[in-house]
Every structure is written in C-alpha cells, then in structure tokens.
Amino acid sequence: MNLLNFKLIGSVIVVAALTLSWVHYTALKADLENTRTELAVANLAVETAIHAAKVTAETLEKVQAEHQKTVGILEDVQFSLATMQSKNRQLEAEIISVAPEKDGPVAPVLEDLRQVRFGGAQ
C-alpha cells in the first residue's frame, strides 16, 4: 500500500509539475506575442518618426536655399541702391558746384525733377 501511495503521490506531483509548466509556457508565449506586438508598434513609430525627420530635413534644405537666394537678391539690391545713391550725390555735387557761366534758367519741369531726385536748394 505504501508503494501505491508513493506512485499515486509521484504521479500527482508529475501531473502538477507538467500542468504548472504548461501554464508557465503559455504565459511566456502570450508575453512573447505581446512583446512582438509592442515591438511592431514601436518599429512603426520609429519609421514614422524617421520619415517625418527626412521630410523636415528636406523642407529645411529647401527653405535654407530659398533664404540664401533671397539674401543674395537683397544684397544685390542694396549694392545697386548704394551705387545709385553715390552716383546721385556725385551728380548733385557737380550740379551745385558748376561755374556761374554754365548756369542758366532751367525749364520748370526739369527743376521739379531735380528737386525730387536730388533735393537741395537752387
């Protein structure tokens, strides 16, 4: 009878161990599947972030190129304006310092233009 009890107890222990092992295995399998799902979601988020970063970088490059182009145009305009201002001042100085014998009456329309362009008194 003792031998039968030991066999029965041993069988119960083996069945219990196998049952616990199976429960543990299925729990690990479920955890693994959850982890794979989370990994897929995380990978998708990373891919989305990488795509957004690439689009942002491309846009930034375009904006920077347009900015440089605009700055170049503005610098050209500024240089042209400075050149015209210098030339206008030089012409105004020549007009103001002309010898009296070269001075004479000017048509009112030209005088108005001179006043607008060069300013100053007659």
PDB file of N, CA and C in Angstrom:
ATOM      1  N   MET A   1       0.799  -1.177   0.000  1.00  0.00           N
ATOM      2  CA  MET A   1       0.000   0.000   0.000  1.00  0.00           C
ATOM      3  C   MET A   1       0.860   1.266   0.000  1.00  0.00           C
ATOM      4  N   ASN A   2       1.937   1.207   0.661  1.00  0.00           N
ATOM      5  CA  ASN A   2       2.849   2.345   0.656  1.00  0.00           C
ATOM      6  C   ASN A   2       3.386   2.635  -0.742  1.00  0.00           C
ATOM      7  N   LEU A   3       3.671   1.567  -1.447  1.00  0.00           N
ATOM      8  CA  LEU A   3       4.198   1.725  -2.792  1.00  0.00           C
ATOM      9  C   LEU A   3       3.141   2.354  -3.710  1.00  0.00           C
ATOM     10  N   LEU A   4       1.897   1.955  -3.518  1.00  0.00           N
ATOM     11  CA  LEU A   4       0.814   2.519  -4.300  1.00  0.00           C
ATOM     12  C   LEU A   4       0.630   3.993  -3.988  1.00  0.00           C
ATOM     13  N   ASN A   5       0.725   4.353  -2.705  1.00  0.00           N
ATOM     14  CA  ASN A   5       0.622   5.751  -2.296  1.00  0.00           C
ATOM     15  C   ASN A   5       1.768   6.585  -2.888  1.00  0.00           C
ATOM     16  N   PHE A   6       2.968   6.022  -2.875  1.00  0.00           N
ATOM     17  CA  PHE A   6       4.108   6.747  -3.446  1.00  0.00           C
ATOM     18  C   PHE A   6       3.938   6.953  -4.950  1.00  0.00           C
ATOM     19  N   LYS A   7       3.422   5.900  -5.611  1.00  0.00           N
ATOM     20  CA  LYS A   7       3.193   6.024  -7.044  1.00  0.00           C
ATOM     21  C   LYS A   7       2.110   7.071  -7.323  1.00  0.00           C
ATOM     22  N   LEU A   8       1.064   7.043  -6.536  1.00  0.00           N
ATOM     23  CA  LEU A   8      -0.018   7.990  -6.708  1.00  0.00           C
ATOM     24  C   LEU A   8       0.459   9.407  -6.429  1.00  0.00           C
ATOM     25  N   ILE A   9       1.180   9.554  -5.313  1.00  0.00           N
ATOM     26  CA  ILE A   9       1.710  10.871  -4.955  1.00  0.00           C
ATOM     27  C   ILE A   9       2.704  11.335  -6.030  1.00  0.00           C
ATOM     28  N   GLY A  10       3.534  10.446  -6.494  1.00  0.00           N
ATOM     29  CA  GLY A  10       4.507  10.777  -7.532  1.00  0.00           C
ATOM     30  C   GLY A  10       3.809  11.186  -8.816  1.00  0.00           C
ATOM     31  N   SER A  11       2.764  10.450  -9.172  1.00  0.00           N
ATOM     32  CA  SER A  11       2.010  10.772 -10.377  1.00  0.00           C
ATOM     33  C   SER A  11       1.324  12.135 -10.253  1.00  0.00           C
ATOM     34  N   VAL A  12       0.766  12.409  -9.077  1.00  0.00           N
ATOM     35  CA  VAL A  12       0.117  13.702  -8.842  1.00  0.00           C
ATOM     36  C   VAL A  12       1.149  14.831  -8.950  1.00  0.00           C
ATOM     37  N   ILE A  13       2.317  14.605  -8.391  1.00  0.00           N
ATOM     38  CA  ILE A  13       3.387  15.618  -8.441  1.00  0.00           C
ATOM     39  C   ILE A  13       3.826  15.852  -9.893  1.00  0.00           C
ATOM     40  N   VAL A  14       3.983  14.767 -10.644  1.00  0.00           N
ATOM     41  CA  VAL A  14       4.404  14.887 -12.041  1.00  0.00           C
ATOM     42  C   VAL A  14       3.327  15.619 -12.845  1.00  0.00           C
ATOM     43  N   VAL A  15       2.064  15.250 -12.642  1.00  0.00           N
ATOM     44  CA  VAL A  15       0.971  15.915 -13.357  1.00  0.00           C
ATOM     45  C   VAL A  15       0.908  17.391 -12.962  1.00  0.00           C
ATOM     46  N   ALA A  16       1.056  17.673 -11.667  1.00  0.00           N
ATOM     47  CA  ALA A  16       1.034  19.059 -11.206  1.00  0.00           C
ATOM     48  C   ALA A  16       2.198  19.834 -11.811  1.00  0.00           C
ATOM     49  N   ALA A  17       3.384  19.222 -11.850  1.00  0.00           N
ATOM     50  CA  ALA A  17       4.562  19.887 -12.426  1.00  0.00           C
ATOM     51  C   ALA A  17       4.345  20.135 -13.911  1.00  0.00           C
ATOM     52  N   LEU A  18       3.796  19.138 -14.614  1.00  0.00           N
ATOM     53  CA  LEU A  18       3.524  19.320 -16.039  1.00  0.00           C
ATOM     54  C   LEU A  18       2.461  20.399 -16.267  1.00  0.00           C
ATOM     55  N   THR A  19       1.442  20.427 -15.425  1.00  0.00           N
ATOM     56  CA  THR A  19       0.399  21.439 -15.554  1.00  0.00           C
ATOM     57  C   THR A  19       0.973  22.832 -15.308  1.00  0.00           C
ATOM     58  N   LEU A  20       1.756  22.973 -14.237  1.00  0.00           N
ATOM     59  CA  LEU A  20       2.381  24.267 -13.950  1.00  0.00           C
ATOM     60  C   LEU A  20       3.340  24.677 -15.070  1.00  0.00           C
ATOM     61  N   SER A  21       4.063  23.710 -15.601  1.00  0.00           N
ATOM     62  CA  SER A  21       4.977  24.004 -16.707  1.00  0.00           C
ATOM     63  C   SER A  21       4.195  24.471 -17.922  1.00  0.00           C
ATOM     64  N   TRP A  22       3.078  23.811 -18.210  1.00  0.00           N
ATOM     65  CA  TRP A  22       2.257  24.202 -19.353  1.00  0.00           C
ATOM     66  C   TRP A  22       1.665  25.604 -19.158  1.00  0.00           C
ATOM     67  N   VAL A  23       1.186  25.890 -17.947  1.00  0.00           N
ATOM     68  CA  VAL A  23       0.637  27.215 -17.650  1.00  0.00           C
ATOM     69  C   VAL A  23       1.725  28.264 -17.797  1.00  0.00           C
ATOM     70  N   HIS A  24       2.905  27.965 -17.268  1.00  0.00           N
ATOM     71  CA  HIS A  24       4.034  28.898 -17.371  1.00  0.00           C
ATOM     72  C   HIS A  24       4.425  29.098 -18.843  1.00  0.00           C
ATOM     73  N   TYR A  25       4.468  28.015 -19.599  1.00  0.00           N
ATOM     74  CA  TYR A  25       4.817  28.087 -21.023  1.00  0.00           C
ATOM     75  C   TYR A  25       3.807  28.949 -21.786  1.00  0.00           C
ATOM     76  N   THR A  26       2.523  28.749 -21.568  1.00  0.00           N
ATOM     77  CA  THR A  26       1.509  29.536 -22.279  1.00  0.00           C
ATOM     78  C   THR A  26       1.572  31.002 -21.869  1.00  0.00           C
ATOM     79  N   ALA A  27       1.879  31.255 -20.590  1.00  0.00           N
ATOM     80  CA  ALA A  27       2.019  32.652 -20.152  1.00  0.00           C
ATOM     81  C   ALA A  27       3.221  33.305 -20.833  1.00  0.00           C
ATOM     82  N   LEU A  28       4.335  32.580 -20.906  1.00  0.00           N
ATOM     83  CA  LEU A  28       5.523  33.109 -21.596  1.00  0.00           C
ATOM     84  C   LEU A  28       5.239  33.331 -23.080  1.00  0.00           C
ATOM     85  N   LYS A  29       4.496  32.385 -23.664  1.00  0.00           N
ATOM     86  CA  LYS A  29       4.150  32.513 -25.075  1.00  0.00           C
ATOM     87  C   LYS A  29       3.280  33.751 -25.305  1.00  0.00           C
ATOM     88  N   ALA A  30       2.331  34.005 -24.413  1.00  0.00           N
ATOM     89  CA  ALA A  30       1.476  35.193 -24.517  1.00  0.00           C
ATOM     90  C   ALA A  30       2.303  36.464 -24.323  1.00  0.00           C
ATOM     91  N   ASP A  31       3.215  36.434 -23.343  1.00  0.00           N
ATOM     92  CA  ASP A  31       4.096  37.589 -23.131  1.00  0.00           C
ATOM     93  C   ASP A  31       4.956  37.859 -24.368  1.00  0.00           C
ATOM     94  N   LEU A  32       5.458  36.796 -24.969  1.00  0.00           N
ATOM     95  CA  LEU A  32       6.277  36.941 -26.168  1.00  0.00           C
ATOM     96  C   LEU A  32       5.453  37.553 -27.297  1.00  0.00           C
ATOM     97  N   GLU A  33       4.230  37.091 -27.455  1.00  0.00           N
ATOM     98  CA  GLU A  33       3.365  37.641 -28.503  1.00  0.00           C
ATOM     99  C   GLU A  33       3.052  39.108 -28.238  1.00  0.00           C
ATOM    100  N   ASN A  34       2.783  39.471 -26.975  1.00  0.00           N
ATOM    101  CA  ASN A  34       2.543  40.875 -26.606  1.00  0.00           C
ATOM    102  C   ASN A  34       3.783  41.723 -26.894  1.00  0.00           C
ATOM    103  N   THR A  35       4.947  41.185 -26.560  1.00  0.00           N
ATOM    104  CA  THR A  35       6.194  41.907 -26.794  1.00  0.00           C
ATOM    105  C   THR A  35       6.424  42.110 -28.287  1.00  0.00           C
ATOM    106  N   ARG A  36       6.108  41.078 -29.087  1.00  0.00           N
ATOM    107  CA  ARG A  36       6.257  41.217 -30.543  1.00  0.00           C
ATOM    108  C   ARG A  36       5.310  42.289 -31.082  1.00  0.00           C
ATOM    109  N   THR A  37       4.092  42.320 -30.568  1.00  0.00           N
ATOM    110  CA  THR A  37       3.131  43.339 -30.992  1.00  0.00           C
ATOM    111  C   THR A  37       3.629  44.734 -30.611  1.00  0.00           C
ATOM    112  N   GLU A  38       4.107  44.891 -29.383  1.00  0.00           N
ATOM    113  CA  GLU A  38       4.643  46.180 -28.929  1.00  0.00           C
ATOM    114  C   GLU A  38       5.848  46.586 -29.766  1.00  0.00           C
ATOM    115  N   LEU A  39       6.683  45.601 -30.117  1.00  0.00           N
ATOM    116  CA  LEU A  39       7.851  45.879 -30.954  1.00  0.00           C
ATOM    117  C   LEU A  39       7.419  46.351 -32.339  1.00  0.00           C
ATOM    118  N   ALA A  40       6.407  45.727 -32.903  1.00  0.00           N
ATOM    119  CA  ALA A  40       5.912  46.138 -34.216  1.00  0.00           C
ATOM    120  C   ALA A  40       5.372  47.566 -34.161  1.00  0.00           C
ATOM    121  N   VAL A  41       4.628  47.879 -33.104  1.00  0.00           N
ATOM    122  CA  VAL A  41       4.097  49.236 -32.939  1.00  0.00           C
ATOM    123  C   VAL A  41       5.245  50.229 -32.776  1.00  0.00           C
ATOM    124  N   ALA A  42       6.233  49.865 -31.968  1.00  0.00           N
ATOM    125  CA  ALA A  42       7.388  50.754 -31.754  1.00  0.00           C
ATOM    126  C   ALA A  42       8.167  50.943 -33.050  1.00  0.00           C
ATOM    127  N   ASN A  43       8.355  49.877 -33.820  1.00  0.00           N
ATOM    128  CA  ASN A  43       9.060  49.991 -35.106  1.00  0.00           C
ATOM    129  C   ASN A  43       8.299  50.888 -36.074  1.00  0.00           C
ATOM    130  N   LEU A  44       6.981  50.771 -36.074  1.00  0.00           N
ATOM    131  CA  LEU A  44       6.166  51.639 -36.921  1.00  0.00           C
ATOM    132  C   LEU A  44       6.312  53.096 -36.494  1.00  0.00           C
ATOM    133  N   ALA A  45       6.324  53.328 -35.188  1.00  0.00           N
ATOM    134  CA  ALA A  45       6.510  54.694 -34.679  1.00  0.00           C
ATOM    135  C   ALA A  45       7.885  55.231 -35.072  1.00  0.00           C
ATOM    136  N   VAL A  46       8.894  54.393 -34.994  1.00  0.00           N
ATOM    137  CA  VAL A  46      10.252  54.810 -35.378  1.00  0.00           C
ATOM    138  C   VAL A  46      10.297  55.133 -36.871  1.00  0.00           C
ATOM    139  N   GLU A  47       9.698  54.275 -37.693  1.00  0.00           N
ATOM    140  CA  GLU A  47       9.680  54.526 -39.133  1.00  0.00           C
ATOM    141  C   GLU A  47       8.947  55.833 -39.449  1.00  0.00           C
ATOM    142  N   THR A  48       7.850  56.064 -38.756  1.00  0.00           N
ATOM    143  CA  THR A  48       7.099  57.307 -38.957  1.00  0.00           C
ATOM    144  C   THR A  48       7.945  58.510 -38.552  1.00  0.00           C
ATOM    145  N   ALA A  49       8.628  58.401 -37.425  1.00  0.00           N
ATOM    146  CA  ALA A  49       9.478  59.499 -36.961  1.00  0.00           C
ATOM    147  C   ALA A  49      10.634  59.745 -37.926  1.00  0.00           C
ATOM    148  N   ILE A  50      11.215  58.677 -38.438  1.00  0.00           N
ATOM    149  CA  ILE A  50      12.323  58.814 -39.398  1.00  0.00           C
ATOM    150  C   ILE A  50      11.827  59.481 -40.677  1.00  0.00           C
ATOM    151  N   HIS A  51      10.665  59.059 -41.149  1.00  0.00           N
ATOM    152  CA  HIS A  51      10.093  59.679 -42.351  1.00  0.00           C
ATOM    153  C   HIS A  51       9.820  61.166 -42.106  1.00  0.00           C
ATOM    154  N   ALA A  52       9.230  61.481 -40.962  1.00  0.00           N
ATOM    155  CA  ALA A  52       8.945  62.886 -40.638  1.00  0.00           C
ATOM    156  C   ALA A  52      10.243  63.688 -40.557  1.00  0.00           C
ATOM    157  N   ALA A  53      11.278  63.100 -39.979  1.00  0.00           N
ATOM    158  CA  ALA A  53      12.566  63.797 -39.879  1.00  0.00           C
ATOM    159  C   ALA A  53      13.164  64.040 -41.266  1.00  0.00           C
ATOM    160  N   LYS A  54      13.044  63.050 -42.156  1.00  0.00           N
ATOM    161  CA  LYS A  54      13.569  63.222 -43.515  1.00  0.00           C
ATOM    162  C   LYS A  54      12.808  64.323 -44.250  1.00  0.00           C
ATOM    163  N   VAL A  55      11.490  64.311 -44.120  1.00  0.00           N
ATOM    164  CA  VAL A  55      10.678  65.342 -44.776  1.00  0.00           C
ATOM    165  C   VAL A  55      11.032  66.719 -44.223  1.00  0.00           C
ATOM    166  N   THR A  56      11.198  66.790 -42.899  1.00  0.00           N
ATOM    167  CA  THR A  56      11.566  68.056 -42.263  1.00  0.00           C
ATOM    168  C   THR A  56      12.944  68.520 -42.744  1.00  0.00           C
ATOM    169  N   ALA A  57      13.887  67.592 -42.838  1.00  0.00           N
ATOM    170  CA  ALA A  57      15.236  67.945 -43.297  1.00  0.00           C
ATOM    171  C   ALA A  57      15.202  68.439 -44.746  1.00  0.00           C
ATOM    172  N   GLU A  58      14.426  67.761 -45.595  1.00  0.00           N
ATOM    173  CA  GLU A  58      14.313  68.189 -46.995  1.00  0.00           C
ATOM    174  C   GLU A  58      13.676  69.575 -47.083  1.00  0.00           C
ATOM    175  N   THR A  59      12.637  69.776 -46.290  1.00  0.00           N
ATOM    176  CA  THR A  59      11.971  71.078 -46.279  1.00  0.00           C
ATOM    177  C   THR A  59      12.924  72.159 -45.783  1.00  0.00           C
ATOM    178  N   LEU A  60      13.673  71.850 -44.735  1.00  0.00           N
ATOM    179  CA  LEU A  60      14.636  72.809 -44.198  1.00  0.00           C
ATOM    180  C   LEU A  60      15.681  73.171 -45.242  1.00  0.00           C
ATOM    181  N   GLU A  61      16.168  72.173 -45.973  1.00  0.00           N
ATOM    182  CA  GLU A  61      17.155  72.449 -47.016  1.00  0.00           C
ATOM    183  C   GLU A  61      16.575  73.386 -48.080  1.00  0.00           C
ATOM    184  N   LYS A  62      15.323  73.136 -48.471  1.00  0.00           N
ATOM    185  CA  LYS A  62      14.676  73.995 -49.475  1.00  0.00           C
ATOM    186  C   LYS A  62      14.508  75.412 -48.935  1.00  0.00           C
ATOM    187  N   VAL A  63      14.092  75.513 -47.682  1.00  0.00           N
ATOM    188  CA  VAL A  63      13.894  76.839 -47.078  1.00  0.00           C
ATOM    189  C   VAL A  63      15.226  77.572 -46.960  1.00  0.00           C
ATOM    190  N   GLN A  64      16.273  76.849 -46.551  1.00  0.00           N
ATOM    191  CA  GLN A  64      17.584  77.484 -46.442  1.00  0.00           C
ATOM    192  C   GLN A  64      18.093  77.947 -47.809  1.00  0.00           C
ATOM    193  N   ALA A  65      17.880  77.131 -48.838  1.00  0.00           N
ATOM    194  CA  ALA A  65      18.309  77.526 -50.187  1.00  0.00           C
ATOM    195  C   ALA A  65      17.537  78.766 -50.640  1.00  0.00           C
ATOM    196  N   GLU A  66      16.236  78.782 -50.387  1.00  0.00           N
ATOM    197  CA  GLU A  66      15.425  79.947 -50.756  1.00  0.00           C
ATOM    198  C   GLU A  66      15.858  81.178 -49.962  1.00  0.00           C
ATOM    199  N   HIS A  67      16.188  80.969 -48.694  1.00  0.00           N
ATOM    200  CA  HIS A  67      16.664  82.074 -47.853  1.00  0.00           C
ATOM    201  C   HIS A  67      17.965  82.639 -48.412  1.00  0.00           C
ATOM    202  N   GLN A  68      18.901  81.759 -48.758  1.00  0.00           N
ATOM    203  CA  GLN A  68      20.177  82.211 -49.316  1.00  0.00           C
ATOM    204  C   GLN A  68      19.950  82.969 -50.619  1.00  0.00           C
ATOM    205  N   LYS A  69      19.037  82.466 -51.450  1.00  0.00           N
ATOM    206  CA  LYS A  69      18.727  83.140 -52.714  1.00  0.00           C
ATOM    207  C   LYS A  69      18.160  84.535 -52.437  1.00  0.00           C
ATOM    208  N   THR A  70      17.244  84.619 -51.483  1.00  0.00           N
ATOM    209  CA  THR A  70      16.634  85.905 -51.131  1.00  0.00           C
ATOM    210  C   THR A  70      17.676  86.868 -50.569  1.00  0.00           C
ATOM    211  N   VAL A  71      18.547  86.366 -49.705  1.00  0.00           N
ATOM    212  CA  VAL A  71      19.607  87.208 -49.137  1.00  0.00           C
ATOM    213  C   VAL A  71      20.512  87.721 -50.261  1.00  0.00           C
ATOM    214  N   GLY A  72      20.835  86.854 -51.222  1.00  0.00           N
ATOM    215  CA  GLY A  72      21.662  87.281 -52.354  1.00  0.00           C
ATOM    216  C   GLY A  72      20.991  88.382 -53.159  1.00  0.00           C
ATOM    217  N   ILE A  73      19.697  88.219 -53.408  1.00  0.00           N
ATOM    218  CA  ILE A  73      18.952  89.237 -54.152  1.00  0.00           C
ATOM    219  C   ILE A  73      18.937  90.550 -53.379  1.00  0.00           C
ATOM    220  N   LEU A  74      18.671  90.462 -52.073  1.00  0.00           N
ATOM    221  CA  LEU A  74      18.640  91.679 -51.250  1.00  0.00           C
ATOM    222  C   LEU A  74      20.006  92.358 -51.200  1.00  0.00           C
ATOM    223  N   GLU A  75      21.073  91.576 -51.138  1.00  0.00           N
ATOM    224  CA  GLU A  75      22.412  92.163 -51.142  1.00  0.00           C
ATOM    225  C   GLU A  75      22.687  92.863 -52.473  1.00  0.00           C
ATOM    226  N   ASP A  76      22.247  92.249 -53.581  1.00  0.00           N
ATOM    227  CA  ASP A  76      22.414  92.881 -54.899  1.00  0.00           C
ATOM    228  C   ASP A  76      21.636  94.195 -54.973  1.00  0.00           C
ATOM    229  N   VAL A  77      20.398  94.170 -54.478  1.00  0.00           N
ATOM    230  CA  VAL A  77      19.577  95.379 -54.479  1.00  0.00           C
ATOM    231  C   VAL A  77      20.222  96.457 -53.615  1.00  0.00           C
ATOM    232  N   GLN A  78      20.716  96.055 -52.437  1.00  0.00           N
ATOM    233  CA  GLN A  78      21.356  97.015 -51.541  1.00  0.00           C
ATOM    234  C   GLN A  78      22.591  97.625 -52.212  1.00  0.00           C
ATOM    235  N   PHE A  79      23.379  96.804 -52.876  1.00  0.00           N
ATOM    236  CA  PHE A  79      24.565  97.306 -53.571  1.00  0.00           C
ATOM    237  C   PHE A  79      24.157  98.267 -54.683  1.00  0.00           C
ATOM    238  N   SER A  80      23.117  97.904 -55.442  1.00  0.00           N
ATOM    239  CA  SER A  80      22.640  98.779 -56.521  1.00  0.00           C
ATOM    240  C   SER A  80      22.154 100.118 -55.970  1.00  0.00           C
ATOM    241  N   LEU A  81      21.413 100.063 -54.874  1.00  0.00           N
ATOM    242  CA  LEU A  81      20.921 101.299 -54.260  1.00  0.00           C
ATOM    243  C   LEU A  81      22.071 102.167 -53.753  1.00  0.00           C
ATOM    244  N   ALA A  82      23.063 101.530 -53.138  1.00  0.00           N
ATOM    245  CA  ALA A  82      24.217 102.294 -52.643  1.00  0.00           C
ATOM    246  C   ALA A  82      24.977 102.917 -53.807  1.00  0.00           C
ATOM    247  N   THR A  83      25.116 102.172 -54.893  1.00  0.00           N
ATOM    248  CA  THR A  83      25.804 102.698 -56.078  1.00  0.00           C
ATOM    249  C   THR A  83      25.034 103.874 -56.673  1.00  0.00           C
ATOM    250  N   MET A  84      23.706 103.713 -56.792  1.00  0.00           N
ATOM    251  CA  MET A  84      22.892 104.812 -57.335  1.00  0.00           C
ATOM    252  C   MET A  84      22.935 106.024 -56.411  1.00  0.00           C
ATOM    253  N   GLN A  85      22.896 105.802 -55.110  1.00  0.00           N
ATOM    254  CA  GLN A  85      22.940 106.919 -54.164  1.00  0.00           C
ATOM    255  C   GLN A  85      24.264 107.667 -54.297  1.00  0.00           C
ATOM    256  N   SER A  86      25.345 106.924 -54.412  1.00  0.00           N
ATOM    257  CA  SER A  86      26.657 107.557 -54.563  1.00  0.00           C
ATOM    258  C   SER A  86      26.726 108.359 -55.866  1.00  0.00           C
ATOM    259  N   LYS A  87      26.228 107.769 -56.941  1.00  0.00           N
ATOM    260  CA  LYS A  87      26.242 108.469 -58.230  1.00  0.00           C
ATOM    261  C   LYS A  87      25.363 109.714 -58.178  1.00  0.00           C
ATOM    262  N   ASN A  88      24.184 109.596 -57.557  1.00  0.00           N
ATOM    263  CA  ASN A  88      23.292 110.757 -57.438  1.00  0.00           C
ATOM    264  C   ASN A  88      23.932 111.870 -56.610  1.00  0.00           C
ATOM    265  N   ARG A  89      24.611 111.527 -55.549  1.00  0.00           N
ATOM    266  CA  ARG A  89      25.287 112.553 -54.733  1.00  0.00           C
ATOM    267  C   ARG A  89      26.405 113.216 -55.525  1.00  0.00           C
ATOM    268  N   GLN A  90      27.101 112.411 -56.303  1.00  0.00           N
ATOM    269  CA  GLN A  90      28.177 112.964 -57.129  1.00  0.00           C
ATOM    270  C   GLN A  90      27.590 113.929 -58.165  1.00  0.00           C
ATOM    271  N   LEU A  91      26.489 113.519 -58.806  1.00  0.00           N
ATOM    272  CA  LEU A  91      25.853 114.396 -59.784  1.00  0.00           C
ATOM    273  C   LEU A  91      25.326 115.665 -59.124  1.00  0.00           C
ATOM    274  N   GLU A  92      24.747 115.534 -57.950  1.00  0.00           N
ATOM    275  CA  GLU A  92      24.239 116.702 -57.229  1.00  0.00           C
ATOM    276  C   GLU A  92      25.381 117.653 -56.885  1.00  0.00           C
ATOM    277  N   ALA A  93      26.517 117.097 -56.455  1.00  0.00           N
ATOM    278  CA  ALA A  93      27.675 117.945 -56.132  1.00  0.00           C
ATOM    279  C   ALA A  93      28.173 118.659 -57.382  1.00  0.00           C
ATOM    280  N   GLU A  94      28.174 117.957 -58.523  1.00  0.00           N
ATOM    281  CA  GLU A  94      28.599 118.594 -59.777  1.00  0.00           C
ATOM    282  C   GLU A  94      27.638 119.715 -60.166  1.00  0.00           C
ATOM    283  N   ILE A  95      26.346 119.465 -60.002  1.00  0.00           N
ATOM    284  CA  ILE A  95      25.350 120.490 -60.353  1.00  0.00           C
ATOM    285  C   ILE A  95      25.499 121.704 -59.447  1.00  0.00           C
ATOM    286  N   ILE A  96      25.674 121.471 -58.150  1.00  0.00           N
ATOM    287  CA  ILE A  96      25.780 122.567 -57.193  1.00  0.00           C
ATOM    288  C   ILE A  96      27.069 123.363 -57.411  1.00  0.00           C
ATOM    289  N   SER A  97      28.141 122.684 -57.780  1.00  0.00           N
ATOM    290  CA  SER A  97      29.432 123.372 -57.899  1.00  0.00           C
ATOM    291  C   SER A  97      29.735 123.848 -59.322  1.00  0.00           C
ATOM    292  N   VAL A  98      28.781 123.857 -60.200  1.00  0.00           N
ATOM    293  CA  VAL A  98      29.018 124.293 -61.570  1.00  0.00           C
ATOM    294  C   VAL A  98      29.370 125.790 -61.598  1.00  0.00           C
ATOM    295  N   ALA A  99      30.184 126.139 -62.535  1.00  0.00           N
ATOM    296  CA  ALA A  99      30.607 127.547 -62.676  1.00  0.00           C
ATOM    297  C   ALA A  99      29.395 128.401 -63.048  1.00  0.00           C
ATOM    298  N   PRO A 100      29.352 129.657 -62.583  1.00  0.00           N
ATOM    299  CA  PRO A 100      28.201 130.520 -62.859  1.00  0.00           C
ATOM    300  C   PRO A 100      27.943 130.709 -64.349  1.00  0.00           C
ATOM    301  N   GLU A 101      28.973 130.731 -65.180  1.00  0.00           N
ATOM    302  CA  GLU A 101      28.740 130.929 -66.610  1.00  0.00           C
ATOM    303  C   GLU A 101      28.060 129.728 -67.277  1.00  0.00           C
ATOM    304  N   LYS A 102      28.127 128.547 -66.609  1.00  0.00           N
ATOM    305  CA  LYS A 102      27.460 127.376 -67.150  1.00  0.00           C
ATOM    306  C   LYS A 102      26.053 127.232 -66.567  1.00  0.00           C
ATOM    307  N   ASP A 103      25.705 128.103 -65.638  1.00  0.00           N
ATOM    308  CA  ASP A 103      24.385 128.056 -65.018  1.00  0.00           C
ATOM    309  C   ASP A 103      23.440 128.916 -65.810  1.00  0.00           C
ATOM    310  N   GLY A 104      22.208 128.568 -65.803  1.00  0.00           N
ATOM    311  CA  GLY A 104      21.226 129.362 -66.522  1.00  0.00           C
ATOM    312  C   GLY A 104      19.826 128.896 -66.156  1.00  0.00           C
ATOM    313  N   PRO A 105      18.845 129.513 -66.783  1.00  0.00           N
ATOM    314  CA  PRO A 105      17.467 129.132 -66.488  1.00  0.00           C
ATOM    315  C   PRO A 105      17.208 127.682 -66.904  1.00  0.00           C
ATOM    316  N   VAL A 106      16.380 127.027 -66.113  1.00  0.00           N
ATOM    317  CA  VAL A 106      16.021 125.627 -66.356  1.00  0.00           C
ATOM    318  C   VAL A 106      14.508 125.558 -66.507  1.00  0.00           C
ATOM    319  N   ALA A 107      14.079 124.712 -67.385  1.00  0.00           N
ATOM    320  CA  ALA A 107      12.636 124.531 -67.564  1.00  0.00           C
ATOM    321  C   ALA A 107      12.033 124.089 -66.236  1.00  0.00           C
ATOM    322  N   PRO A 108      10.870 124.637 -65.876  1.00  0.00           N
ATOM    323  CA  PRO A 108      10.255 124.297 -64.591  1.00  0.00           C
ATOM    324  C   PRO A 108      10.102 122.791 -64.382  1.00  0.00           C
ATOM    325  N   VAL A 109       9.784 122.055 -65.427  1.00  0.00           N
ATOM    326  CA  VAL A 109       9.617 120.607 -65.273  1.00  0.00           C
ATOM    327  C   VAL A 109      10.940 119.945 -64.905  1.00  0.00           C
ATOM    328  N   LEU A 110      12.036 120.412 -65.473  1.00  0.00           N
ATOM    329  CA  LEU A 110      13.344 119.856 -65.136  1.00  0.00           C
ATOM    330  C   LEU A 110      13.774 120.262 -63.727  1.00  0.00           C
ATOM    331  N   GLU A 111      13.431 121.497 -63.341  1.00  0.00           N
ATOM    332  CA  GLU A 111      13.752 121.948 -61.976  1.00  0.00           C
ATOM    333  C   GLU A 111      12.993 121.115 -60.949  1.00  0.00           C
ATOM    334  N   ASP A 112      11.711 120.844 -61.248  1.00  0.00           N
ATOM    335  CA  ASP A 112      10.933 119.996 -60.335  1.00  0.00           C
ATOM    336  C   ASP A 112      11.555 118.600 -60.221  1.00  0.00           C
ATOM    337  N   LEU A 113      11.983 118.073 -61.356  1.00  0.00           N
ATOM    338  CA  LEU A 113      12.630 116.760 -61.352  1.00  0.00           C
ATOM    339  C   LEU A 113      13.912 116.800 -60.542  1.00  0.00           C
ATOM    340  N   ARG A 114      14.685 117.868 -60.720  1.00  0.00           N
ATOM    341  CA  ARG A 114      15.936 117.996 -59.961  1.00  0.00           C
ATOM    342  C   ARG A 114      15.652 118.046 -58.473  1.00  0.00           C
ATOM    343  N   GLN A 115      14.647 118.794 -58.079  1.00  0.00           N
ATOM    344  CA  GLN A 115      14.296 118.894 -56.664  1.00  0.00           C
ATOM    345  C   GLN A 115      13.872 117.525 -56.111  1.00  0.00           C
ATOM    346  N   VAL A 116      13.104 116.795 -56.893  1.00  0.00           N
ATOM    347  CA  VAL A 116      12.635 115.487 -56.430  1.00  0.00           C
ATOM    348  C   VAL A 116      13.790 114.495 -56.350  1.00  0.00           C
ATOM    349  N   ARG A 117      14.622 114.467 -57.373  1.00  0.00           N
ATOM    350  CA  ARG A 117      15.699 113.486 -57.417  1.00  0.00           C
ATOM    351  C   ARG A 117      16.861 113.842 -56.504  1.00  0.00           C
ATOM    352  N   PHE A 118      17.240 115.105 -56.476  1.00  0.00           N
ATOM    353  CA  PHE A 118      18.454 115.473 -55.779  1.00  0.00           C
ATOM    354  C   PHE A 118      18.190 116.297 -54.533  1.00  0.00           C
ATOM    355  N   GLY A 119      17.042 116.898 -54.427  1.00  0.00           N
ATOM    356  CA  GLY A 119      16.757 117.745 -53.268  1.00  0.00           C
ATOM    357  C   GLY A 119      17.624 118.978 -53.294  1.00  0.00           C
ATOM    358  N   GLY A 120      17.660 119.656 -52.198  1.00  0.00           N
ATOM    359  CA  GLY A 120      18.529 120.814 -52.076  1.00  0.00           C
ATOM    360  C   GLY A 120      17.902 122.073 -52.657  1.00  0.00           C
ATOM    361  N   ALA A 121      18.579 123.182 -52.405  1.00  0.00           N
ATOM    362  CA  ALA A 121      18.089 124.497 -52.868  1.00  0.00           C
ATOM    363  C   ALA A 121      18.679 124.801 -54.212  1.00  0.00           C
ATOM    364  N   GLN A 122      18.077 125.808 -54.870  1.00  0.00           N
ATOM    365  CA  GLN A 122      18.559 126.241 -56.173  1.00  0.00           C
ATOM    366  C   GLN A 122      19.853 126.986 -56.066  1.00  0.00           C
TER     367      GLN A 122
END
